[in-house]
Amino acid sequence: MKPVVKLLRIKQAADILGVNPETLRRWDNEGRLPSIRIGSRRGVGDRRYKLEDIERYIEENKNKK
């Protein structure tokens, strides 16, 4: 049985991280927090974020403020 992967919409991920969705787009483009592209809207697709990636990002960056 394959493990279940929880995907979050960009707004949901931004709310968890306390940032603007545009910040997440920038982080994705910079390679800081990768997204999964779904759909084929203009060949780009909508971004989804793995909950486990969000949790890992929080853990790795909790002492950097």
C-alpha atoms as a PDB file:
ATOM      1  CA  MET A   1       0.000   0.000   0.000  1.00  0.00           C
ATOM      2  CA  LYS A   2       1.342   3.419  -0.977  1.00  0.00           C
ATOM      3  CA  PRO A   3       1.700   6.058   1.741  1.00  0.00           C
ATOM      4  CA  VAL A   4      -0.852   8.872   1.654  1.00  0.00           C
ATOM      5  CA  VAL A   5       0.641  12.255   0.789  1.00  0.00           C
ATOM      6  CA  LYS A   6      -1.292  15.293   2.017  1.00  0.00           C
ATOM      7  CA  LEU A   7      -1.162  18.108  -0.548  1.00  0.00           C
ATOM      8  CA  LEU A   8      -2.019  21.659   0.432  1.00  0.00           C
ATOM      9  CA  ARG A   9      -3.136  24.517  -1.765  1.00  0.00           C
ATOM     10  CA  ILE A  10      -0.842  27.523  -1.802  1.00  0.00           C
ATOM     11  CA  LYS A  11      -3.159  29.541   0.492  1.00  0.00           C
ATOM     12  CA  GLN A  12      -3.283  26.719   3.042  1.00  0.00           C
ATOM     13  CA  ALA A  13       0.502  26.358   3.050  1.00  0.00           C
ATOM     14  CA  ALA A  14       0.970  30.130   3.317  1.00  0.00           C
ATOM     15  CA  ASP A  15      -1.397  30.282   6.297  1.00  0.00           C
ATOM     16  CA  ILE A  16       0.519  27.525   8.099  1.00  0.00           C
ATOM     17  CA  LEU A  17       3.823  29.297   7.495  1.00  0.00           C
ATOM     18  CA  GLY A  18       2.455  32.769   8.215  1.00  0.00           C
ATOM     19  CA  VAL A  19       3.577  34.177   4.862  1.00  0.00           C
ATOM     20  CA  ASN A  20       1.966  35.587   1.752  1.00  0.00           C
ATOM     21  CA  PRO A  21       1.279  33.131  -1.110  1.00  0.00           C
ATOM     22  CA  GLU A  22       3.602  35.222  -3.285  1.00  0.00           C
ATOM     23  CA  THR A  23       6.413  34.430  -0.837  1.00  0.00           C
ATOM     24  CA  LEU A  24       5.801  30.718  -1.413  1.00  0.00           C
ATOM     25  CA  ARG A  25       5.943  31.224  -5.167  1.00  0.00           C
ATOM     26  CA  ARG A  26       9.288  32.989  -4.758  1.00  0.00           C
ATOM     27  CA  TRP A  27      10.629  30.290  -2.411  1.00  0.00           C
ATOM     28  CA  ASP A  28       9.617  27.651  -4.959  1.00  0.00           C
ATOM     29  CA  ASN A  29      11.402  29.515  -7.761  1.00  0.00           C
ATOM     30  CA  GLU A  30      14.494  29.843  -5.524  1.00  0.00           C
ATOM     31  CA  GLY A  31      14.398  26.150  -4.561  1.00  0.00           C
ATOM     32  CA  ARG A  32      13.817  26.884  -0.854  1.00  0.00           C
ATOM     33  CA  LEU A  33      10.474  25.081  -0.641  1.00  0.00           C
ATOM     34  CA  PRO A  34       9.532  23.050  -3.692  1.00  0.00           C
ATOM     35  CA  SER A  35       5.985  22.614  -4.909  1.00  0.00           C
ATOM     36  CA  ILE A  36       4.216  20.067  -7.052  1.00  0.00           C
ATOM     37  CA  ARG A  37       2.558  21.449 -10.166  1.00  0.00           C
ATOM     38  CA  ILE A  38      -0.813  19.971 -11.036  1.00  0.00           C
ATOM     39  CA  GLY A  39      -3.130  20.674 -13.928  1.00  0.00           C
ATOM     40  CA  SER A  40      -2.132  22.245 -17.184  1.00  0.00           C
ATOM     41  CA  ARG A  41      -3.104  25.857 -16.816  1.00  0.00           C
ATOM     42  CA  ARG A  42      -0.950  27.514 -19.490  1.00  0.00           C
ATOM     43  CA  GLY A  43       1.567  24.713 -19.100  1.00  0.00           C
ATOM     44  CA  VAL A  44       2.447  25.902 -15.607  1.00  0.00           C
ATOM     45  CA  GLY A  45      -0.154  24.269 -13.378  1.00  0.00           C
ATOM     46  CA  ASP A  46      -1.323  25.125  -9.891  1.00  0.00           C
ATOM     47  CA  ARG A  47       1.089  24.668  -7.011  1.00  0.00           C
ATOM     48  CA  ARG A  48       0.513  22.198  -4.234  1.00  0.00           C
ATOM     49  CA  TYR A  49       2.748  21.678  -1.241  1.00  0.00           C
ATOM     50  CA  LYS A  50       3.366  18.464   0.653  1.00  0.00           C
ATOM     51  CA  LEU A  51       2.427  18.804   4.325  1.00  0.00           C
ATOM     52  CA  GLU A  52       5.569  16.860   5.243  1.00  0.00           C
ATOM     53  CA  ASP A  53       7.714  19.396   3.328  1.00  0.00           C
ATOM     54  CA  ILE A  54       6.025  22.269   5.180  1.00  0.00           C
ATOM     55  CA  GLU A  55       6.625  20.566   8.532  1.00  0.00           C
ATOM     56  CA  ARG A  56      10.262  19.863   7.636  1.00  0.00           C
ATOM     57  CA  TYR A  57      10.776  23.486   6.550  1.00  0.00           C
ATOM     58  CA  ILE A  58       9.366  24.744   9.868  1.00  0.00           C
ATOM     59  CA  GLU A  59      11.586  22.379  11.844  1.00  0.00           C
ATOM     60  CA  GLU A  60      14.736  23.309   9.905  1.00  0.00           C
ATOM     61  CA  ASN A  61      14.096  27.040  10.169  1.00  0.00           C
ATOM     62  CA  LYS A  62      12.608  27.452  13.650  1.00  0.00           C
ATOM     63  CA  ASN A  63      15.843  28.828  15.141  1.00  0.00           C
ATOM     64  CA  LYS A  64      16.786  31.144  12.265  1.00  0.00           C
ATOM     65  CA  LYS A  65      14.725  34.159  13.308  1.00  0.00           C
END
